[in-house]
Amino acid sequence: MRVPYKYIIAACLLLMLGSGCSKKLDKAPLSQFSNENFWKSEDDAMLALAAVYRGNIAGGTEFSLSDWWSYVGLVFLDMSTDNLYDRRGDNSDVSKMTNGGMTTTNSQVSNYWTAGYTRIARCNYFLENVNRVPASPDKIKRMTAEVRFIRAAVFFYFSQYFGSVPLTTKTMTVEEANTVKKATKQQLVDFVISELTAAAADLPRFKDLAGTERGRASKQAALAFLGRLQLAEKKYSDAAATYKTIIDYNDNIIDPNYKSLFDGTNESSKELIFAIQYVPNLVPNGMLQHFFPAVNSGWHLLNPLGSLVENYEFKDGTPFSFTDPRYNPKDIGQDRDPRLTYTVLYNMQTFNGRTYISHPDSTKSVDQLTLTRQATRTGYCIRKFLPDNFSGDLQNSGIDMPVVRYAEVLLSYLEAKLEGGEPIDQALLDATINQVRGRASVGMPRVTITDPVALRVVLRRERRNELACEGLRYWDLLRWGTIAQVMNGDFYGAPFPGAVNLRKKGTTVDPYGRWFVTTKAFRAGTDEKWPVPQSEQDINPNLR
């Protein structure tokens, strides 16, 4: 019986920790192994491959930002959008990314840069050495394709968020690294398209991954990233064709149980095309410590904004309105899209055996809405990713983090058709958005709108609701060209009509009794692209 792939990852990391510190590993991947003595067997190649998948995480609990392939790198990114707010406040570097405070010394952006290039360096190192391994050509070809996919995915993220960065495809000397020049965004795009296309050709299909190989890349994973890039670059017919290829494979499904996709109970679901793997006691994450409310001993770091909560429809498909008679401020999820209560924890709900009390007039709750406690700043807590009836170490979670779900594929396919100007009919809606909305645990009404302008509004709302807190909202706003509009103005939290301790904006009381959270001032024409970290510019003037 083959050892599950996530355990190979864990074993690799434990071996890597044996003779070096994480700082040393960041500088020289696998440096404690002699390059002359390594690459002698297929097992050696698998250890190196596992290190590529794990990026710059050197073992132990993943607790801080890696690159985009970490729960911190993905979920925390939603705290820079209109979905979530950072409990640490407006001065956190996560908040500054979109509130007008972005600078070249932003630590969050610097972490993405450093961790991203660390992973790229490991990919280059692997590709330059794997052919020395005495393994079958088919196995070498597959491992090579996996690493080309991973490297291309990181460059995809760089192209979308930074725009123009060095295109490093080989191991560099210190001198080369300190003088490298930036490639244009178009050069990055062309490279990513070429690499993902080649990788997809050599990767196995999702259905052909053995159960012990969960977490390894498939054709569908590479094609999903290819579709993302084509969608972002407005290559709509190409994107539609790419997504249709995934659909036509018929390997993936919309899982009937939405909640189970995120709480660790359904990690083998065919909806999860690609996910970051974690293992309790070996390679765990600190997700639950960051996410749990204070009443459950968490740090309550991620706080959903009212903007997200108000995006969810009523159960009959009607857009939310404070004036609708079905709206109940004491039970915000009443008669609403079920995904709201799967995603957001709100006042007086029971979670993990305790009542979550966030009302600002509460005098006994550790989660009372204030500006002083380690508790909510919006009146809401994230609910997605949190298991029921959890007991144990909050910093020892094995819950995987989805990177690509089949739901995204279907919604993106519809978007490609819509934005490409193709006619939309009911059959297409039923094959895409209505599959997502119609899963058994959600059961939202079918969409029947075919008018392009009206459908665009519905589709974007659906995408936000379905994919909330999964690290895609920032990218969606960027490629739609709406981020400057959306990330400007006042943001509110939960409604508490009649509350005595309600926070206001100045002397203005919100007409719906919502808690005032913050004002954002995204700078159009400036903040759409992340700056190269100042520390990198200081070393290499070519990066300015």
Protein backbone atom coordinates (compact mmCIF):
# COMPACT_ATOMS: atom_id res chain seq x y z
CA MET A 1 0.00 0.00 0.00
CA ARG A 2 1.36 3.43 -0.91
CA VAL A 3 1.82 6.02 1.80
CA PRO A 4 -0.65 8.94 1.40
CA TYR A 5 1.01 11.86 -0.33
CA LYS A 6 0.36 14.29 2.50
CA TYR A 7 2.39 11.99 4.78
CA ILE A 8 5.25 12.01 2.31
CA ILE A 9 5.13 15.80 2.56
CA ALA A 10 5.26 15.58 6.33
CA ALA A 11 8.14 13.12 6.27
CA CYS A 12 10.05 15.34 3.90
CA LEU A 13 9.64 18.36 6.12
CA LEU A 14 10.73 16.48 9.21
CA LEU A 15 13.84 15.31 7.40
CA MET A 16 14.57 18.82 6.24
CA LEU A 17 14.30 20.13 9.77
CA GLY A 18 16.81 17.62 11.05
CA SER A 19 19.96 19.58 10.32
CA GLY A 20 19.06 23.16 9.61
CA CYS A 21 16.90 26.10 10.60
CA SER A 22 14.10 27.58 8.52
CA LYS A 23 16.21 30.66 7.67
CA LYS A 24 18.84 28.42 6.11
CA LEU A 25 16.20 26.46 4.21
CA ASP A 26 14.72 29.64 2.79
CA LYS A 27 18.09 30.52 1.35
CA ALA A 28 18.98 27.11 -0.05
CA PRO A 29 16.18 24.57 -0.52
CA LEU A 30 17.27 21.05 0.51
CA SER A 31 20.69 22.46 1.38
CA GLN A 32 21.41 19.95 4.09
CA PHE A 33 21.46 17.20 1.48
CA SER A 34 24.60 17.04 -0.62
CA ASN A 35 23.60 17.55 -4.24
CA GLU A 36 26.14 14.90 -5.21
CA ASN A 37 24.59 12.29 -2.93
CA PHE A 38 20.98 13.23 -3.46
CA TRP A 39 18.84 12.42 -6.53
CA LYS A 40 19.88 8.76 -6.31
CA SER A 41 16.38 7.26 -6.18
CA GLU A 42 12.74 7.88 -6.87
CA ASP A 43 12.26 8.40 -3.13
CA ASP A 44 14.74 11.27 -3.26
CA ALA A 45 12.76 12.86 -6.07
CA MET A 46 9.52 12.46 -4.14
CA LEU A 47 11.05 14.18 -1.10
CA ALA A 48 12.16 17.08 -3.25
CA LEU A 49 8.77 17.22 -4.96
CA ALA A 50 7.04 17.37 -1.59
CA ALA A 51 9.26 20.30 -0.61
CA VAL A 52 8.14 22.11 -3.76
CA TYR A 53 4.48 21.60 -2.88
CA ARG A 54 5.09 22.86 0.63
CA GLY A 55 6.91 26.00 -0.51
CA ASN A 56 8.77 27.76 2.30
CA ILE A 57 6.98 26.04 5.18
CA ALA A 58 9.82 24.34 7.01
CA GLY A 59 7.72 22.12 9.24
CA GLY A 60 5.69 22.46 12.39
CA THR A 61 2.49 24.45 12.46
CA GLU A 62 1.80 26.73 9.50
CA PHE A 63 0.92 29.91 11.32
CA SER A 64 2.09 32.80 9.19
CA LEU A 65 1.92 33.77 5.57
CA SER A 66 3.64 31.57 3.02
CA ASP A 67 2.67 32.57 -0.50
CA TRP A 68 -0.80 32.28 -2.00
CA TRP A 69 -0.86 28.55 -1.28
CA SER A 70 -1.43 28.74 2.44
CA TYR A 71 -4.56 29.37 4.47
CA VAL A 72 -3.02 32.68 5.60
CA GLY A 73 -2.14 33.64 2.04
CA LEU A 74 -5.63 32.92 0.74
CA VAL A 75 -8.18 33.55 3.49
CA PHE A 76 -6.35 36.57 4.92
CA LEU A 77 -6.41 38.15 1.47
CA ASP A 78 -10.18 38.54 1.86
CA MET A 79 -9.44 40.88 4.79
CA SER A 80 -8.17 43.32 2.17
CA THR A 81 -11.56 43.28 0.44
CA ASP A 82 -15.17 44.09 1.24
CA ASN A 83 -15.68 40.56 2.59
CA LEU A 84 -13.66 40.59 5.81
CA TYR A 85 -12.08 43.04 8.24
CA ASP A 86 -8.82 42.51 10.14
CA ARG A 87 -9.37 42.60 13.90
CA ARG A 88 -5.95 44.24 14.22
CA GLY A 89 -7.46 47.38 12.68
CA ASP A 90 -6.88 49.92 9.94
CA ASN A 91 -3.14 50.07 10.60
CA SER A 92 -2.48 46.40 9.91
CA ASP A 93 -0.61 45.85 6.66
CA VAL A 94 -3.47 43.62 5.49
CA SER A 95 -5.89 46.54 5.81
CA LYS A 96 -3.46 49.02 4.27
CA MET A 97 -3.38 47.06 1.02
CA THR A 98 -6.73 48.56 0.03
CA ASN A 99 -7.49 51.47 2.36
CA GLY A 100 -5.11 53.97 0.78
CA GLY A 101 -2.17 53.08 3.00
CA MET A 102 -0.21 50.80 0.67
CA THR A 103 3.54 51.50 0.59
CA THR A 104 6.64 49.69 -0.63
CA THR A 105 7.33 48.57 2.96
CA ASN A 106 4.04 46.69 3.39
CA SER A 107 5.02 43.47 5.18
CA GLN A 108 2.15 41.43 3.75
CA VAL A 109 3.14 42.23 0.18
CA SER A 110 6.79 41.57 1.03
CA ASN A 111 5.86 38.15 2.40
CA TYR A 112 4.03 37.20 -0.79
CA TRP A 113 7.08 38.27 -2.79
CA THR A 114 9.65 36.42 -0.68
CA ALA A 115 7.63 33.24 -0.25
CA GLY A 116 6.61 33.21 -3.90
CA TYR A 117 10.18 33.41 -5.12
CA THR A 118 11.26 30.84 -2.55
CA ARG A 119 8.81 28.39 -4.09
CA ILE A 120 9.93 29.33 -7.61
CA ALA A 121 13.56 28.74 -6.62
CA ARG A 122 12.68 25.27 -5.36
CA CYS A 123 10.87 24.57 -8.61
CA ASN A 124 13.88 25.61 -10.67
CA TYR A 125 16.20 23.52 -8.50
CA PHE A 126 13.97 20.49 -8.91
CA LEU A 127 13.66 20.83 -12.68
CA GLU A 128 17.43 21.14 -13.07
CA ASN A 129 18.09 17.90 -11.17
CA VAL A 130 15.16 15.51 -11.49
CA ASN A 131 16.46 13.89 -14.68
CA ARG A 132 19.37 12.49 -12.68
CA VAL A 133 16.97 10.19 -10.83
CA PRO A 134 16.90 6.54 -12.00
CA ALA A 135 13.13 6.41 -12.39
CA SER A 136 10.89 5.54 -15.31
CA PRO A 137 10.44 8.21 -18.00
CA ASP A 138 6.72 8.37 -17.24
CA LYS A 139 7.31 9.12 -13.56
CA ILE A 140 9.92 11.75 -14.38
CA LYS A 141 7.53 13.31 -16.88
CA ARG A 142 4.73 13.46 -14.35
CA MET A 143 6.86 14.98 -11.58
CA THR A 144 8.26 17.50 -14.05
CA ALA A 145 4.75 18.47 -15.09
CA GLU A 146 3.71 18.92 -11.46
CA VAL A 147 6.58 21.31 -10.78
CA ARG A 148 6.02 23.25 -14.00
CA PHE A 149 2.39 23.64 -12.94
CA ILE A 150 3.35 24.90 -9.48
CA ARG A 151 5.89 27.36 -10.84
CA ALA A 152 3.45 28.63 -13.45
CA ALA A 153 0.74 29.07 -10.81
CA VAL A 154 3.03 31.27 -8.71
CA PHE A 155 3.91 33.35 -11.77
CA PHE A 156 0.17 33.61 -12.47
CA TYR A 157 -0.29 35.24 -9.06
CA PHE A 158 2.70 37.53 -9.63
CA SER A 159 1.29 38.65 -12.99
CA GLN A 160 -2.10 39.43 -11.49
CA TYR A 161 -1.03 41.28 -8.35
CA PHE A 162 2.38 42.77 -9.18
CA GLY A 163 2.11 42.94 -12.96
CA SER A 164 5.80 43.16 -13.86
CA VAL A 165 8.35 41.00 -11.99
CA PRO A 166 11.50 38.98 -12.79
CA LEU A 167 10.79 35.82 -14.76
CA THR A 168 13.31 33.50 -13.12
CA THR A 169 13.45 30.04 -14.65
CA LYS A 170 16.83 28.82 -13.45
CA THR A 171 18.88 28.69 -10.27
CA MET A 172 20.72 32.01 -10.01
CA THR A 173 23.94 33.12 -8.43
CA VAL A 174 23.82 35.89 -5.87
CA GLU A 175 25.12 38.34 -8.47
CA GLU A 176 22.46 37.29 -10.97
CA ALA A 177 19.72 37.57 -8.36
CA ASN A 178 20.86 41.06 -7.38
CA THR A 179 20.85 42.36 -10.95
CA VAL A 180 17.90 40.54 -12.52
CA LYS A 181 15.48 42.67 -14.50
CA LYS A 182 11.71 42.62 -14.53
CA ALA A 183 9.79 40.92 -17.32
CA THR A 184 6.74 42.64 -18.70
CA LYS A 185 3.32 41.44 -17.67
CA GLN A 186 2.75 40.14 -21.20
CA GLN A 187 5.93 38.07 -21.01
CA LEU A 188 4.70 36.59 -17.73
CA VAL A 189 1.29 35.85 -19.22
CA ASP A 190 2.79 34.17 -22.28
CA PHE A 191 5.07 32.05 -20.09
CA VAL A 192 2.27 30.97 -17.77
CA ILE A 193 -0.01 30.01 -20.65
CA SER A 194 2.75 27.97 -22.29
CA GLU A 195 3.77 26.22 -19.04
CA LEU A 196 0.24 25.40 -17.90
CA THR A 197 -0.64 24.05 -21.34
CA ALA A 198 2.43 21.81 -21.33
CA ALA A 199 1.87 20.70 -17.74
CA ALA A 200 -1.77 19.83 -18.37
CA ALA A 201 -0.75 17.60 -21.27
CA ASP A 202 1.49 15.47 -19.02
CA LEU A 203 -0.54 15.41 -15.80
CA PRO A 204 -3.03 12.63 -14.98
CA ARG A 205 -6.73 13.34 -14.90
CA PHE A 206 -8.39 13.94 -11.56
CA LYS A 207 -10.19 10.60 -11.73
CA ASP A 208 -6.90 8.78 -12.18
CA LEU A 209 -5.32 10.08 -8.99
CA ALA A 210 -5.06 7.27 -6.48
CA GLY A 211 -6.58 7.91 -3.10
CA THR A 212 -3.09 8.06 -1.61
CA GLU A 213 -2.20 10.82 -4.10
CA ARG A 214 -4.75 13.36 -2.89
CA GLY A 215 -3.10 16.75 -3.00
CA ARG A 216 -1.07 16.14 -6.16
CA ALA A 217 -1.80 18.15 -9.28
CA SER A 218 -4.08 16.91 -12.04
CA LYS A 219 -4.92 18.05 -15.55
CA GLN A 220 -7.94 19.81 -14.12
CA ALA A 221 -5.83 21.80 -11.66
CA ALA A 222 -3.52 23.06 -14.41
CA LEU A 223 -6.44 23.82 -16.72
CA ALA A 224 -8.27 25.69 -13.96
CA PHE A 225 -5.31 28.04 -13.53
CA LEU A 226 -5.05 28.39 -17.30
CA GLY A 227 -8.72 29.34 -17.39
CA ARG A 228 -8.18 31.88 -14.62
CA LEU A 229 -5.42 33.59 -16.57
CA GLN A 230 -7.39 33.57 -19.83
CA LEU A 231 -10.39 35.04 -18.02
CA ALA A 232 -8.27 37.77 -16.45
CA GLU A 233 -6.68 38.61 -19.81
CA LYS A 234 -10.12 38.82 -21.43
CA LYS A 235 -9.39 35.87 -23.70
CA TYR A 236 -12.98 34.80 -23.21
CA SER A 237 -13.32 32.24 -26.00
CA ASP A 238 -10.08 30.57 -24.90
CA ALA A 239 -11.23 30.57 -21.26
CA ALA A 240 -14.57 29.07 -22.21
CA ALA A 241 -12.84 26.30 -24.16
CA THR A 242 -10.48 25.56 -21.27
CA TYR A 243 -13.26 25.38 -18.71
CA LYS A 244 -15.38 23.29 -21.07
CA THR A 245 -12.54 20.77 -21.27
CA ILE A 246 -12.67 20.36 -17.48
CA ILE A 247 -16.45 20.01 -17.58
CA ASP A 248 -16.37 17.47 -20.40
CA TYR A 249 -13.95 15.24 -18.50
CA ASN A 250 -16.88 14.66 -16.16
CA ASP A 251 -14.50 13.78 -13.30
CA ASN A 252 -15.79 16.42 -10.90
CA ILE A 253 -19.12 17.21 -9.30
CA ILE A 254 -20.93 19.81 -7.24
CA ASP A 255 -20.97 18.18 -3.83
CA PRO A 256 -24.40 18.19 -2.17
CA ASN A 257 -22.92 19.17 1.20
CA TYR A 258 -21.49 22.70 1.00
CA LYS A 259 -20.37 23.02 4.62
CA SER A 260 -18.42 19.75 4.57
CA LEU A 261 -16.08 21.06 1.89
CA PHE A 262 -14.41 23.35 4.41
CA ASP A 263 -14.61 21.76 7.87
CA GLY A 264 -12.38 18.72 7.31
CA THR A 265 -15.17 16.14 7.02
CA ASN A 266 -15.24 15.74 3.23
CA GLU A 267 -11.71 16.33 1.95
CA SER A 268 -11.96 13.58 -0.68
CA SER A 269 -14.89 15.29 -2.39
CA LYS A 270 -14.78 15.33 -6.17
CA GLU A 271 -15.56 19.05 -6.01
CA LEU A 272 -12.13 19.79 -4.53
CA ILE A 273 -9.97 19.90 -7.64
CA PHE A 274 -6.91 21.11 -5.78
CA ALA A 275 -6.32 21.83 -2.09
CA ILE A 276 -3.46 22.55 0.29
CA GLN A 277 -2.86 19.50 2.46
CA TYR A 278 -2.35 19.56 6.22
CA VAL A 279 -1.67 16.77 8.72
CA PRO A 280 -2.32 17.02 12.49
CA ASN A 281 0.81 16.54 14.60
CA LEU A 282 3.04 16.52 11.50
CA VAL A 283 2.25 19.45 9.21
CA PRO A 284 -0.74 21.16 10.86
CA ASN A 285 -2.00 24.70 10.55
CA GLY A 286 -3.10 27.32 13.07
CA MET A 287 -6.32 28.10 11.23
CA LEU A 288 -8.64 27.42 14.15
CA GLN A 289 -6.58 29.57 16.51
CA HIS A 290 -6.89 32.49 14.13
CA PHE A 291 -10.54 31.92 13.21
CA PHE A 292 -12.34 30.76 16.36
CA PRO A 293 -14.22 33.38 18.41
CA ALA A 294 -12.93 34.33 21.83
CA VAL A 295 -15.65 32.34 23.61
CA ASN A 296 -14.08 29.25 22.05
CA SER A 297 -10.52 30.34 22.91
CA GLY A 298 -9.79 31.74 19.44
CA TRP A 299 -8.21 35.01 18.40
CA HIS A 300 -11.21 36.15 16.31
CA LEU A 301 -8.90 37.62 13.67
CA LEU A 302 -11.26 37.47 10.69
CA ASN A 303 -14.43 39.56 10.93
CA PRO A 304 -17.02 39.46 8.12
CA LEU A 305 -18.27 42.86 7.02
CA GLY A 306 -21.91 43.79 6.67
CA SER A 307 -21.23 44.20 2.95
CA LEU A 308 -20.73 40.44 2.63
CA VAL A 309 -23.67 39.48 4.82
CA GLU A 310 -25.97 41.82 2.92
CA ASN A 311 -24.91 40.22 -0.38
CA TYR A 312 -26.74 36.96 0.39
CA GLU A 313 -30.23 36.69 -1.05
CA PHE A 314 -33.44 35.69 0.64
CA LYS A 315 -34.34 32.05 0.11
CA ASP A 316 -36.64 32.85 -2.79
CA GLY A 317 -33.77 34.48 -4.68
CA THR A 318 -34.80 38.06 -3.91
CA PRO A 319 -31.84 40.37 -3.27
CA PHE A 320 -31.46 41.36 0.38
CA SER A 321 -33.08 44.58 1.57
CA PHE A 322 -33.35 46.09 5.04
CA THR A 323 -36.91 47.11 4.19
CA ASP A 324 -38.02 43.59 3.29
CA PRO A 325 -40.46 42.30 5.95
CA ARG A 326 -38.53 39.02 6.12
CA TYR A 327 -35.41 40.77 7.40
CA ASN A 328 -34.84 40.02 11.08
CA PRO A 329 -31.93 41.92 12.72
CA LYS A 330 -32.05 39.49 15.67
CA ASP A 331 -31.55 36.51 13.37
CA ILE A 332 -29.71 37.76 10.30
CA GLY A 333 -29.73 34.34 8.64
CA GLN A 334 -33.50 33.85 8.88
CA ASP A 335 -35.06 33.05 5.50
CA ARG A 336 -31.72 33.69 3.75
CA ASP A 337 -29.43 31.75 1.43
CA PRO A 338 -28.14 28.87 3.63
CA ARG A 339 -24.56 29.67 2.64
CA LEU A 340 -24.80 32.75 4.85
CA THR A 341 -25.00 30.70 8.04
CA TYR A 342 -22.37 28.27 6.72
CA THR A 343 -20.01 31.22 6.20
CA VAL A 344 -20.77 33.74 8.97
CA LEU A 345 -21.29 33.35 12.73
CA TYR A 346 -23.52 36.05 14.18
CA ASN A 347 -24.95 37.18 17.50
CA MET A 348 -26.74 34.53 19.61
CA GLN A 349 -25.82 31.58 17.42
CA THR A 350 -24.55 28.44 19.08
CA PHE A 351 -21.11 27.31 18.00
CA ASN A 352 -19.06 24.43 19.38
CA GLY A 353 -21.31 24.15 22.42
CA ARG A 354 -21.28 27.83 23.36
CA THR A 355 -23.37 30.87 22.53
CA TYR A 356 -21.65 33.53 20.48
CA ILE A 357 -22.69 36.91 21.90
CA SER A 358 -21.40 39.95 20.03
CA HIS A 359 -24.05 42.56 20.94
CA PRO A 360 -22.29 45.83 21.91
CA ASP A 361 -24.49 46.24 24.99
CA SER A 362 -23.51 42.85 26.38
CA THR A 363 -21.67 43.11 29.68
CA LYS A 364 -20.51 39.53 30.18
CA SER A 365 -19.49 38.22 26.76
CA VAL A 366 -15.81 37.99 25.80
CA ASP A 367 -16.96 38.50 22.20
CA GLN A 368 -18.77 41.75 22.92
CA LEU A 369 -18.39 44.19 20.01
CA THR A 370 -15.90 46.79 21.25
CA LEU A 371 -12.63 48.32 20.12
CA THR A 372 -10.58 47.04 23.02
CA ARG A 373 -10.98 43.30 23.39
CA GLN A 374 -9.56 40.46 21.36
CA ALA A 375 -12.98 39.99 19.85
CA THR A 376 -15.09 40.95 16.86
CA ARG A 377 -14.79 44.37 15.24
CA THR A 378 -17.88 43.95 13.08
CA GLY A 379 -20.31 41.91 15.18
CA TYR A 380 -19.63 38.89 13.02
CA CYS A 381 -17.14 36.00 13.08
CA ILE A 382 -16.06 33.79 10.19
CA ARG A 383 -17.87 30.41 10.29
CA LYS A 384 -16.49 28.81 7.15
CA PHE A 385 -13.67 26.31 7.82
CA LEU A 386 -14.69 25.82 11.45
CA PRO A 387 -15.56 22.25 12.49
CA ASP A 388 -18.42 21.41 14.84
CA ASN A 389 -17.69 19.89 18.24
CA PHE A 390 -13.96 20.47 18.03
CA SER A 391 -11.81 19.77 21.05
CA GLY A 392 -8.06 19.87 21.23
CA ASP A 393 -5.23 22.16 20.23
CA LEU A 394 -6.43 25.02 18.02
CA GLN A 395 -2.93 25.26 16.58
CA ASN A 396 -2.94 21.64 15.42
CA SER A 397 -5.56 21.59 12.67
CA GLY A 398 -5.42 19.21 9.72
CA ILE A 399 -8.21 20.90 7.77
CA ASP A 400 -7.20 21.32 4.13
CA MET A 401 -7.48 24.65 2.32
CA PRO A 402 -9.27 24.56 -1.07
CA VAL A 403 -7.44 26.29 -3.90
CA VAL A 404 -9.68 25.29 -6.81
CA ARG A 405 -13.24 23.98 -6.57
CA TYR A 406 -15.47 22.73 -9.36
CA ALA A 407 -18.01 25.40 -8.40
CA GLU A 408 -15.49 28.04 -9.51
CA VAL A 409 -15.04 26.23 -12.82
CA LEU A 410 -18.77 26.31 -13.58
CA LEU A 411 -19.20 29.95 -12.60
CA SER A 412 -16.10 30.95 -14.56
CA TYR A 413 -17.31 29.07 -17.63
CA LEU A 414 -20.57 30.99 -17.54
CA GLU A 415 -18.68 34.25 -17.07
CA ALA A 416 -16.45 33.51 -20.06
CA LYS A 417 -19.52 32.86 -22.21
CA LEU A 418 -21.27 35.98 -20.92
CA GLU A 419 -18.33 38.36 -21.27
CA GLY A 420 -17.44 36.87 -24.64
CA GLY A 421 -20.78 38.02 -25.97
CA GLU A 422 -22.17 34.57 -26.61
CA PRO A 423 -25.92 34.04 -26.30
CA ILE A 424 -27.06 32.76 -22.92
CA ASP A 425 -29.89 30.25 -22.74
CA GLN A 426 -31.57 28.33 -19.94
CA ALA A 427 -29.64 25.16 -20.72
CA LEU A 428 -26.34 26.96 -20.09
CA LEU A 429 -27.64 28.47 -16.84
CA ASP A 430 -28.84 25.07 -15.66
CA ALA A 431 -25.47 23.49 -16.48
CA THR A 432 -23.50 26.14 -14.57
CA ILE A 433 -24.83 28.60 -12.01
CA ASN A 434 -27.93 26.57 -11.23
CA GLN A 435 -25.88 23.49 -10.43
CA VAL A 436 -23.99 25.56 -7.86
CA ARG A 437 -27.11 27.14 -6.38
CA GLY A 438 -29.05 23.91 -6.50
CA ARG A 439 -26.82 21.69 -4.39
CA ALA A 440 -28.92 19.88 -1.78
CA SER A 441 -27.60 21.80 1.23
CA VAL A 442 -28.19 25.17 -0.47
CA GLY A 443 -31.31 24.79 -2.60
CA MET A 444 -31.51 28.31 -3.98
CA PRO A 445 -33.96 28.98 -6.84
CA ARG A 446 -32.87 28.59 -10.44
CA VAL A 447 -31.60 31.64 -12.27
CA THR A 448 -33.66 32.31 -15.40
CA ILE A 449 -32.26 35.71 -16.41
CA THR A 450 -30.59 35.70 -19.83
CA ASP A 451 -30.21 39.45 -20.36
CA PRO A 452 -26.42 40.03 -20.25
CA VAL A 453 -26.48 43.18 -18.11
CA ALA A 454 -28.85 41.75 -15.50
CA LEU A 455 -27.15 38.35 -15.51
CA ARG A 456 -23.76 39.94 -14.86
CA VAL A 457 -25.09 41.36 -11.58
CA VAL A 458 -26.54 38.00 -10.55
CA LEU A 459 -23.42 36.04 -11.52
CA ARG A 460 -21.05 38.33 -9.66
CA ARG A 461 -23.26 38.17 -6.57
CA GLU A 462 -23.36 34.39 -6.82
CA ARG A 463 -19.62 34.16 -7.20
CA ARG A 464 -19.08 36.25 -4.09
CA ASN A 465 -21.51 34.19 -2.02
CA GLU A 466 -20.25 30.82 -3.18
CA LEU A 467 -16.53 31.57 -2.95
CA ALA A 468 -16.51 33.89 0.07
CA CYS A 469 -13.34 33.83 2.19
CA GLU A 470 -11.48 31.52 -0.20
CA GLY A 471 -9.04 34.16 -1.43
CA LEU A 472 -10.65 34.97 -4.78
CA ARG A 473 -12.55 38.18 -4.04
CA TYR A 474 -9.51 40.49 -4.41
CA TRP A 475 -8.66 38.97 -7.77
CA ASP A 476 -12.26 39.16 -8.96
CA LEU A 477 -12.46 42.88 -8.14
CA LEU A 478 -9.17 43.51 -9.93
CA ARG A 479 -10.11 41.77 -13.16
CA TRP A 480 -13.62 43.24 -13.20
CA GLY A 481 -12.06 46.68 -12.87
CA THR A 482 -14.34 47.52 -9.95
CA ILE A 483 -11.89 47.47 -7.05
CA ALA A 484 -11.41 51.25 -6.85
CA GLN A 485 -15.16 51.76 -6.71
CA VAL A 486 -15.88 48.94 -4.26
CA MET A 487 -13.00 49.68 -1.89
CA ASN A 488 -13.89 53.32 -1.35
CA GLY A 489 -16.30 54.64 1.26
CA ASP A 490 -17.72 53.59 4.59
CA PHE A 491 -18.02 50.01 5.76
CA TYR A 492 -20.37 48.74 8.44
CA GLY A 493 -20.80 45.58 10.44
CA ALA A 494 -23.83 43.88 12.01
CA PRO A 495 -27.09 45.72 12.75
CA PHE A 496 -28.04 46.28 16.39
CA PRO A 497 -31.09 48.58 16.25
CA GLY A 498 -31.53 50.47 19.49
CA ALA A 499 -28.10 49.58 20.90
CA VAL A 500 -26.78 52.05 23.44
CA ASN A 501 -23.10 51.42 22.71
CA LEU A 502 -23.43 51.52 18.95
CA ARG A 503 -20.34 52.93 17.23
CA LYS A 504 -21.19 55.73 14.84
CA LYS A 505 -19.31 57.62 12.17
CA GLY A 506 -18.90 60.91 13.93
CA THR A 507 -22.39 61.83 15.09
CA THR A 508 -24.17 60.04 12.27
CA VAL A 509 -26.29 57.07 13.32
CA ASP A 510 -26.68 54.42 10.64
CA PRO A 511 -30.39 54.23 9.70
CA TYR A 512 -30.33 50.44 10.13
CA GLY A 513 -28.48 50.47 13.43
CA ARG A 514 -25.27 49.00 12.02
CA TRP A 515 -21.93 49.24 13.79
CA PHE A 516 -19.55 51.57 11.92
CA VAL A 517 -16.29 49.76 11.10
CA THR A 518 -14.03 51.81 8.84
CA THR A 519 -13.63 54.05 5.82
CA LYS A 520 -11.50 52.90 2.91
CA ALA A 521 -9.89 55.07 0.24
CA PHE A 522 -8.42 52.81 -2.45
CA ARG A 523 -6.34 54.96 -4.83
CA ALA A 524 -7.44 54.38 -8.41
CA GLY A 525 -4.47 54.13 -10.76
CA THR A 526 -2.05 53.40 -7.91
CA ASP A 527 -3.21 50.53 -5.73
CA GLU A 528 -4.25 48.11 -8.50
CA LYS A 529 -0.67 46.81 -8.64
CA TRP A 530 1.37 45.82 -5.62
CA PRO A 531 4.77 47.50 -5.36
CA VAL A 532 8.03 45.60 -5.41
CA PRO A 533 9.16 45.53 -1.76
CA GLN A 534 11.49 48.40 -0.89
CA SER A 535 14.05 45.96 0.51
CA GLU A 536 14.28 44.34 -2.93
CA GLN A 537 14.53 47.69 -4.70
CA ASP A 538 17.35 48.74 -2.39
CA ILE A 539 19.37 45.66 -3.35
CA ASN A 540 18.52 45.71 -7.05
CA PRO A 541 17.76 49.07 -8.74
CA ASN A 542 16.41 47.16 -11.77
CA LEU A 543 13.30 46.36 -9.70
CA ARG A 544 12.32 50.00 -9.19
